[in-house]
N, C-alpha and C. Protein backbone atom coordinates (compact mmCIF):
# COMPACT_ATOMS: atom_id res chain seq x y z
N MET A 1 40.49 -140.98 -81.72
CA MET A 1 40.98 -140.23 -80.58
C MET A 1 39.93 -139.18 -80.18
N ALA A 2 39.70 -139.07 -78.89
CA ALA A 2 38.68 -138.15 -78.38
C ALA A 2 39.12 -136.70 -78.55
N LYS A 3 38.16 -135.83 -78.80
CA LYS A 3 38.43 -134.41 -78.91
C LYS A 3 38.49 -133.80 -77.51
N THR A 4 39.33 -132.78 -77.36
CA THR A 4 39.55 -132.15 -76.06
C THR A 4 38.82 -130.82 -76.00
N ILE A 5 38.11 -130.61 -74.89
CA ILE A 5 37.38 -129.37 -74.66
C ILE A 5 37.82 -128.77 -73.33
N LEU A 6 38.12 -127.48 -73.35
CA LEU A 6 38.50 -126.74 -72.14
C LEU A 6 37.26 -126.08 -71.58
N ILE A 7 36.94 -126.37 -70.30
CA ILE A 7 35.82 -125.74 -69.60
C ILE A 7 36.40 -124.68 -68.67
N VAL A 8 35.88 -123.45 -68.78
CA VAL A 8 36.36 -122.35 -67.94
C VAL A 8 35.17 -121.79 -67.17
N ASP A 9 35.17 -122.01 -65.85
CA ASP A 9 34.08 -121.52 -65.01
C ASP A 9 34.58 -121.44 -63.58
N ASP A 10 34.22 -120.38 -62.87
CA ASP A 10 34.66 -120.25 -61.49
C ASP A 10 33.88 -121.15 -60.54
N SER A 11 32.80 -121.74 -61.00
CA SER A 11 32.01 -122.65 -60.18
C SER A 11 32.47 -124.09 -60.40
N ALA A 12 33.02 -124.70 -59.34
CA ALA A 12 33.48 -126.09 -59.44
C ALA A 12 32.32 -127.01 -59.78
N SER A 13 31.14 -126.76 -59.22
CA SER A 13 29.99 -127.62 -59.51
C SER A 13 29.57 -127.50 -60.97
N MET A 14 29.65 -126.29 -61.54
CA MET A 14 29.30 -126.12 -62.95
C MET A 14 30.33 -126.84 -63.84
N ARG A 15 31.61 -126.73 -63.50
CA ARG A 15 32.63 -127.45 -64.27
C ARG A 15 32.38 -128.95 -64.19
N ARG A 16 31.95 -129.42 -63.04
CA ARG A 16 31.68 -130.85 -62.87
C ARG A 16 30.49 -131.28 -63.73
N VAL A 17 29.39 -130.52 -63.70
CA VAL A 17 28.20 -130.86 -64.48
C VAL A 17 28.51 -130.87 -65.97
N VAL A 18 29.19 -129.82 -66.45
CA VAL A 18 29.55 -129.74 -67.87
C VAL A 18 30.52 -130.87 -68.23
N GLY A 19 31.48 -131.12 -67.35
CA GLY A 19 32.46 -132.19 -67.58
C GLY A 19 31.81 -133.56 -67.69
N ILE A 20 30.86 -133.83 -66.83
CA ILE A 20 30.15 -135.12 -66.87
C ILE A 20 29.41 -135.27 -68.19
N ALA A 21 28.73 -134.20 -68.61
CA ALA A 21 27.99 -134.26 -69.88
C ALA A 21 28.94 -134.49 -71.05
N LEU A 22 30.06 -133.77 -71.06
CA LEU A 22 31.01 -133.90 -72.18
C LEU A 22 31.69 -135.26 -72.18
N LYS A 23 32.12 -135.73 -71.02
CA LYS A 23 32.77 -137.04 -70.94
C LYS A 23 31.79 -138.14 -71.36
N GLY A 24 30.52 -137.98 -70.97
CA GLY A 24 29.49 -138.94 -71.36
C GLY A 24 29.28 -138.99 -72.87
N ALA A 25 29.60 -137.87 -73.54
CA ALA A 25 29.46 -137.81 -75.00
C ALA A 25 30.77 -138.16 -75.70
N GLY A 26 31.79 -138.56 -74.92
CA GLY A 26 33.03 -139.05 -75.51
C GLY A 26 34.15 -138.04 -75.65
N TYR A 27 34.02 -136.88 -75.01
CA TYR A 27 35.06 -135.86 -75.09
C TYR A 27 36.01 -135.94 -73.91
N GLU A 28 37.25 -135.49 -74.12
CA GLU A 28 38.19 -135.32 -73.02
C GLU A 28 38.05 -133.89 -72.54
N VAL A 29 38.30 -133.67 -71.24
CA VAL A 29 38.03 -132.37 -70.64
C VAL A 29 39.25 -131.83 -69.90
N LEU A 30 39.54 -130.54 -70.14
CA LEU A 30 40.48 -129.77 -69.33
C LEU A 30 39.64 -128.73 -68.60
N GLU A 31 40.13 -128.25 -67.44
CA GLU A 31 39.36 -127.28 -66.67
C GLU A 31 40.21 -126.10 -66.25
N GLY A 32 39.58 -124.93 -66.23
CA GLY A 32 40.19 -123.72 -65.70
C GLY A 32 39.18 -123.05 -64.79
N CYS A 33 39.63 -122.50 -63.65
CA CYS A 33 38.70 -121.91 -62.68
C CYS A 33 38.45 -120.42 -62.93
N ASP A 34 39.18 -119.82 -63.86
CA ASP A 34 38.94 -118.45 -64.32
C ASP A 34 39.76 -118.26 -65.59
N GLY A 35 39.64 -117.12 -66.21
CA GLY A 35 40.33 -116.90 -67.47
C GLY A 35 41.84 -117.03 -67.37
N LYS A 36 42.41 -116.47 -66.32
CA LYS A 36 43.87 -116.52 -66.15
C LYS A 36 44.35 -117.97 -65.97
N ASP A 37 43.64 -118.72 -65.14
CA ASP A 37 43.99 -120.13 -64.92
C ASP A 37 43.86 -120.92 -66.23
N ALA A 38 42.79 -120.64 -66.98
CA ALA A 38 42.58 -121.35 -68.25
C ALA A 38 43.69 -121.04 -69.24
N LEU A 39 44.15 -119.79 -69.29
CA LEU A 39 45.25 -119.45 -70.20
C LEU A 39 46.50 -120.26 -69.87
N SER A 40 46.72 -120.51 -68.58
CA SER A 40 47.90 -121.29 -68.19
C SER A 40 47.80 -122.74 -68.65
N LYS A 41 46.59 -123.22 -68.96
CA LYS A 41 46.38 -124.60 -69.44
C LYS A 41 46.58 -124.70 -70.95
N LEU A 42 46.57 -123.56 -71.64
CA LEU A 42 46.73 -123.55 -73.10
C LEU A 42 48.21 -123.44 -73.43
N THR A 43 48.85 -124.60 -73.52
CA THR A 43 50.31 -124.65 -73.69
C THR A 43 50.72 -125.15 -75.07
N GLY A 44 49.81 -125.04 -76.04
CA GLY A 44 50.15 -125.45 -77.40
C GLY A 44 49.52 -126.75 -77.83
N GLN A 45 48.99 -127.53 -76.88
CA GLN A 45 48.33 -128.79 -77.23
C GLN A 45 47.04 -128.50 -77.98
N LYS A 46 46.54 -129.48 -78.72
CA LYS A 46 45.31 -129.30 -79.49
C LYS A 46 44.13 -129.27 -78.54
N VAL A 47 43.38 -128.17 -78.59
CA VAL A 47 42.12 -128.04 -77.88
C VAL A 47 41.08 -127.78 -78.96
N HIS A 48 40.08 -128.65 -79.06
CA HIS A 48 39.12 -128.58 -80.14
C HIS A 48 38.01 -127.56 -79.91
N MET A 49 37.79 -127.20 -78.64
CA MET A 49 36.74 -126.24 -78.31
C MET A 49 36.97 -125.72 -76.90
N ILE A 50 36.45 -124.51 -76.65
CA ILE A 50 36.48 -123.92 -75.31
C ILE A 50 35.04 -123.56 -74.95
N ILE A 51 34.65 -123.89 -73.72
CA ILE A 51 33.36 -123.50 -73.18
C ILE A 51 33.66 -122.63 -71.97
N SER A 52 33.24 -121.36 -72.01
CA SER A 52 33.62 -120.43 -70.96
C SER A 52 32.43 -119.67 -70.39
N ASP A 53 32.49 -119.47 -69.08
CA ASP A 53 31.57 -118.58 -68.39
C ASP A 53 31.96 -117.14 -68.75
N VAL A 54 31.09 -116.18 -68.49
CA VAL A 54 31.41 -114.77 -68.71
C VAL A 54 31.87 -114.12 -67.42
N ASN A 55 31.07 -114.25 -66.36
CA ASN A 55 31.36 -113.57 -65.09
C ASN A 55 32.23 -114.44 -64.19
N MET A 56 33.52 -114.08 -64.12
CA MET A 56 34.47 -114.82 -63.28
C MET A 56 35.44 -113.82 -62.65
N PRO A 57 35.99 -114.15 -61.49
CA PRO A 57 37.01 -113.29 -60.88
C PRO A 57 38.34 -113.42 -61.64
N VAL A 58 39.28 -112.60 -61.33
CA VAL A 58 40.63 -112.58 -61.88
C VAL A 58 40.63 -112.15 -63.35
N MET A 59 40.00 -112.95 -64.23
CA MET A 59 39.86 -112.59 -65.64
C MET A 59 38.51 -113.10 -66.12
N ASP A 60 37.66 -112.18 -66.57
CA ASP A 60 36.32 -112.56 -67.02
C ASP A 60 36.38 -113.28 -68.38
N GLY A 61 35.26 -113.86 -68.78
CA GLY A 61 35.22 -114.67 -70.00
C GLY A 61 35.45 -113.89 -71.28
N ILE A 62 34.98 -112.66 -71.36
CA ILE A 62 35.17 -111.87 -72.59
C ILE A 62 36.65 -111.51 -72.74
N THR A 63 37.29 -111.09 -71.67
CA THR A 63 38.73 -110.78 -71.71
C THR A 63 39.52 -112.04 -72.06
N PHE A 64 39.15 -113.16 -71.46
CA PHE A 64 39.79 -114.44 -71.76
C PHE A 64 39.66 -114.76 -73.25
N LEU A 65 38.45 -114.62 -73.78
CA LEU A 65 38.18 -114.93 -75.18
C LEU A 65 39.03 -114.04 -76.10
N LYS A 66 39.07 -112.76 -75.81
CA LYS A 66 39.88 -111.84 -76.63
C LYS A 66 41.36 -112.24 -76.60
N THR A 67 41.84 -112.66 -75.43
CA THR A 67 43.24 -113.08 -75.29
C THR A 67 43.50 -114.36 -76.08
N VAL A 68 42.59 -115.33 -75.98
CA VAL A 68 42.74 -116.60 -76.71
C VAL A 68 42.81 -116.35 -78.21
N LYS A 69 41.98 -115.46 -78.71
CA LYS A 69 41.92 -115.19 -80.14
C LYS A 69 43.20 -114.50 -80.65
N GLN A 70 44.04 -114.02 -79.74
CA GLN A 70 45.33 -113.44 -80.12
C GLN A 70 46.44 -114.49 -80.16
N MET A 71 46.14 -115.70 -79.68
CA MET A 71 47.13 -116.78 -79.63
C MET A 71 47.06 -117.60 -80.93
N ALA A 72 48.17 -117.68 -81.64
CA ALA A 72 48.19 -118.35 -82.95
C ALA A 72 47.61 -119.77 -82.89
N ALA A 73 47.96 -120.53 -81.86
CA ALA A 73 47.53 -121.93 -81.78
C ALA A 73 46.03 -122.08 -81.54
N TYR A 74 45.37 -121.03 -81.03
CA TYR A 74 43.97 -121.14 -80.65
C TYR A 74 43.07 -120.12 -81.34
N LYS A 75 43.63 -119.39 -82.28
CA LYS A 75 42.89 -118.32 -82.97
C LYS A 75 41.59 -118.81 -83.58
N PHE A 76 41.60 -120.05 -84.11
CA PHE A 76 40.42 -120.57 -84.79
C PHE A 76 39.64 -121.59 -83.96
N THR A 77 40.00 -121.75 -82.69
CA THR A 77 39.29 -122.68 -81.80
C THR A 77 37.90 -122.13 -81.50
N PRO A 78 36.84 -122.90 -81.78
CA PRO A 78 35.49 -122.40 -81.49
C PRO A 78 35.26 -122.26 -79.99
N VAL A 79 34.54 -121.20 -79.62
CA VAL A 79 34.26 -120.92 -78.21
C VAL A 79 32.75 -120.77 -78.02
N ILE A 80 32.24 -121.49 -77.02
CA ILE A 80 30.85 -121.36 -76.59
C ILE A 80 30.86 -120.63 -75.25
N MET A 81 30.08 -119.58 -75.13
CA MET A 81 29.93 -118.91 -73.84
C MET A 81 28.75 -119.56 -73.13
N LEU A 82 28.98 -120.05 -71.91
CA LEU A 82 27.95 -120.70 -71.09
C LEU A 82 27.80 -119.83 -69.86
N THR A 83 26.69 -119.09 -69.77
CA THR A 83 26.60 -118.02 -68.79
C THR A 83 25.17 -117.73 -68.36
N THR A 84 25.03 -117.01 -67.26
CA THR A 84 23.72 -116.54 -66.83
C THR A 84 23.33 -115.26 -67.57
N GLU A 85 24.28 -114.66 -68.27
CA GLU A 85 24.03 -113.41 -69.01
C GLU A 85 23.13 -113.68 -70.22
N SER A 86 22.03 -112.95 -70.31
CA SER A 86 21.15 -113.14 -71.47
C SER A 86 20.88 -111.82 -72.20
N GLU A 87 21.51 -110.74 -71.77
CA GLU A 87 21.32 -109.45 -72.43
C GLU A 87 21.92 -109.46 -73.83
N GLU A 88 21.19 -108.86 -74.77
CA GLU A 88 21.66 -108.81 -76.16
C GLU A 88 23.00 -108.09 -76.27
N SER A 89 23.21 -107.04 -75.46
CA SER A 89 24.46 -106.29 -75.54
C SER A 89 25.65 -107.17 -75.14
N LYS A 90 25.47 -108.02 -74.13
CA LYS A 90 26.53 -108.95 -73.73
C LYS A 90 26.78 -109.97 -74.81
N LYS A 91 25.71 -110.49 -75.41
CA LYS A 91 25.85 -111.46 -76.49
C LYS A 91 26.62 -110.86 -77.66
N ARG A 92 26.29 -109.61 -78.02
CA ARG A 92 26.99 -108.94 -79.11
C ARG A 92 28.47 -108.74 -78.77
N GLU A 93 28.74 -108.39 -77.50
CA GLU A 93 30.12 -108.22 -77.07
C GLU A 93 30.89 -109.54 -77.19
N GLY A 94 30.25 -110.64 -76.77
CA GLY A 94 30.87 -111.96 -76.89
C GLY A 94 31.08 -112.37 -78.33
N GLN A 95 30.10 -112.10 -79.17
CA GLN A 95 30.22 -112.43 -80.59
C GLN A 95 31.34 -111.63 -81.23
N ALA A 96 31.43 -110.35 -80.89
CA ALA A 96 32.49 -109.49 -81.44
C ALA A 96 33.87 -109.97 -81.00
N ALA A 97 33.94 -110.56 -79.80
CA ALA A 97 35.21 -111.08 -79.29
C ALA A 97 35.57 -112.42 -79.91
N GLY A 98 34.58 -113.09 -80.54
CA GLY A 98 34.88 -114.35 -81.21
C GLY A 98 34.06 -115.55 -80.76
N ALA A 99 33.08 -115.35 -79.88
CA ALA A 99 32.23 -116.47 -79.44
C ALA A 99 31.39 -116.96 -80.61
N ARG A 100 31.29 -118.28 -80.76
CA ARG A 100 30.51 -118.87 -81.86
C ARG A 100 29.09 -119.23 -81.42
N ALA A 101 28.88 -119.40 -80.10
CA ALA A 101 27.56 -119.74 -79.59
C ALA A 101 27.42 -119.19 -78.18
N TRP A 102 26.16 -119.03 -77.74
CA TRP A 102 25.86 -118.46 -76.43
C TRP A 102 24.79 -119.34 -75.82
N VAL A 103 25.11 -120.02 -74.72
CA VAL A 103 24.15 -120.90 -74.04
C VAL A 103 23.91 -120.31 -72.65
N VAL A 104 22.63 -120.10 -72.32
CA VAL A 104 22.28 -119.47 -71.05
C VAL A 104 22.00 -120.53 -69.99
N LYS A 105 22.60 -120.32 -68.79
CA LYS A 105 22.34 -121.19 -67.64
C LYS A 105 21.00 -120.77 -67.03
N PRO A 106 20.23 -121.69 -66.45
CA PRO A 106 20.47 -123.12 -66.47
C PRO A 106 20.23 -123.68 -67.87
N PHE A 107 20.90 -124.78 -68.16
CA PHE A 107 20.83 -125.37 -69.49
C PHE A 107 20.56 -126.86 -69.38
N GLN A 108 20.09 -127.44 -70.46
CA GLN A 108 19.92 -128.89 -70.54
C GLN A 108 21.19 -129.46 -71.14
N PRO A 109 21.78 -130.51 -70.55
CA PRO A 109 23.00 -131.08 -71.11
C PRO A 109 22.89 -131.40 -72.60
N GLU A 110 21.71 -131.86 -73.04
CA GLU A 110 21.53 -132.19 -74.46
C GLU A 110 21.70 -130.94 -75.32
N GLN A 111 21.23 -129.80 -74.82
CA GLN A 111 21.35 -128.53 -75.54
C GLN A 111 22.83 -128.17 -75.73
N LEU A 112 23.61 -128.32 -74.66
CA LEU A 112 25.03 -128.00 -74.74
C LEU A 112 25.76 -128.98 -75.67
N ILE A 113 25.49 -130.26 -75.53
CA ILE A 113 26.14 -131.27 -76.38
C ILE A 113 25.79 -131.03 -77.85
N GLY A 114 24.55 -130.65 -78.12
CA GLY A 114 24.15 -130.34 -79.49
C GLY A 114 24.97 -129.19 -80.07
N ALA A 115 25.16 -128.13 -79.27
CA ALA A 115 25.97 -126.99 -79.73
C ALA A 115 27.41 -127.42 -79.94
N VAL A 116 27.95 -128.24 -79.03
CA VAL A 116 29.32 -128.72 -79.16
C VAL A 116 29.47 -129.53 -80.44
N GLN A 117 28.54 -130.43 -80.70
CA GLN A 117 28.64 -131.28 -81.88
C GLN A 117 28.53 -130.48 -83.17
N ARG A 118 27.74 -129.41 -83.17
CA ARG A 118 27.64 -128.58 -84.36
C ARG A 118 28.91 -127.79 -84.63
N LEU A 119 29.61 -127.39 -83.57
CA LEU A 119 30.77 -126.51 -83.72
C LEU A 119 32.12 -127.20 -83.68
N CYS A 120 32.18 -128.39 -83.10
CA CYS A 120 33.46 -129.10 -82.93
C CYS A 120 33.76 -129.86 -84.21
N LEU A 121 34.52 -129.23 -85.07
CA LEU A 121 34.81 -129.80 -86.39
C LEU A 121 35.80 -130.96 -86.30
N PRO A 122 35.77 -131.84 -87.31
CA PRO A 122 36.68 -133.00 -87.31
C PRO A 122 38.14 -132.57 -87.36
């Protein structure tokens, strides 16, 4: 059975690019257009990983991550931040909130899939 990954990004084209890469690697994909929308998709089903942008309207990625980590069903779900942010202070903030990896846009699909495969446990 394929593992499910939630992509959270306010850019539809970025969700599409990430989704194509993940589906090509055999993953199932859920999508959220911002943190609040993504939270509404987390209804208790098994999600093996979350890939989230940082800068989004309505609810940013760090706030979303902190909220997810408070949810019993998703407390241990690995999260990769996929963002244009490359400042060390932002990375530390994301890590403190529970991010397991930080991938800076633009990215190579192979780079993202490699990070997913390292973190998406059986």
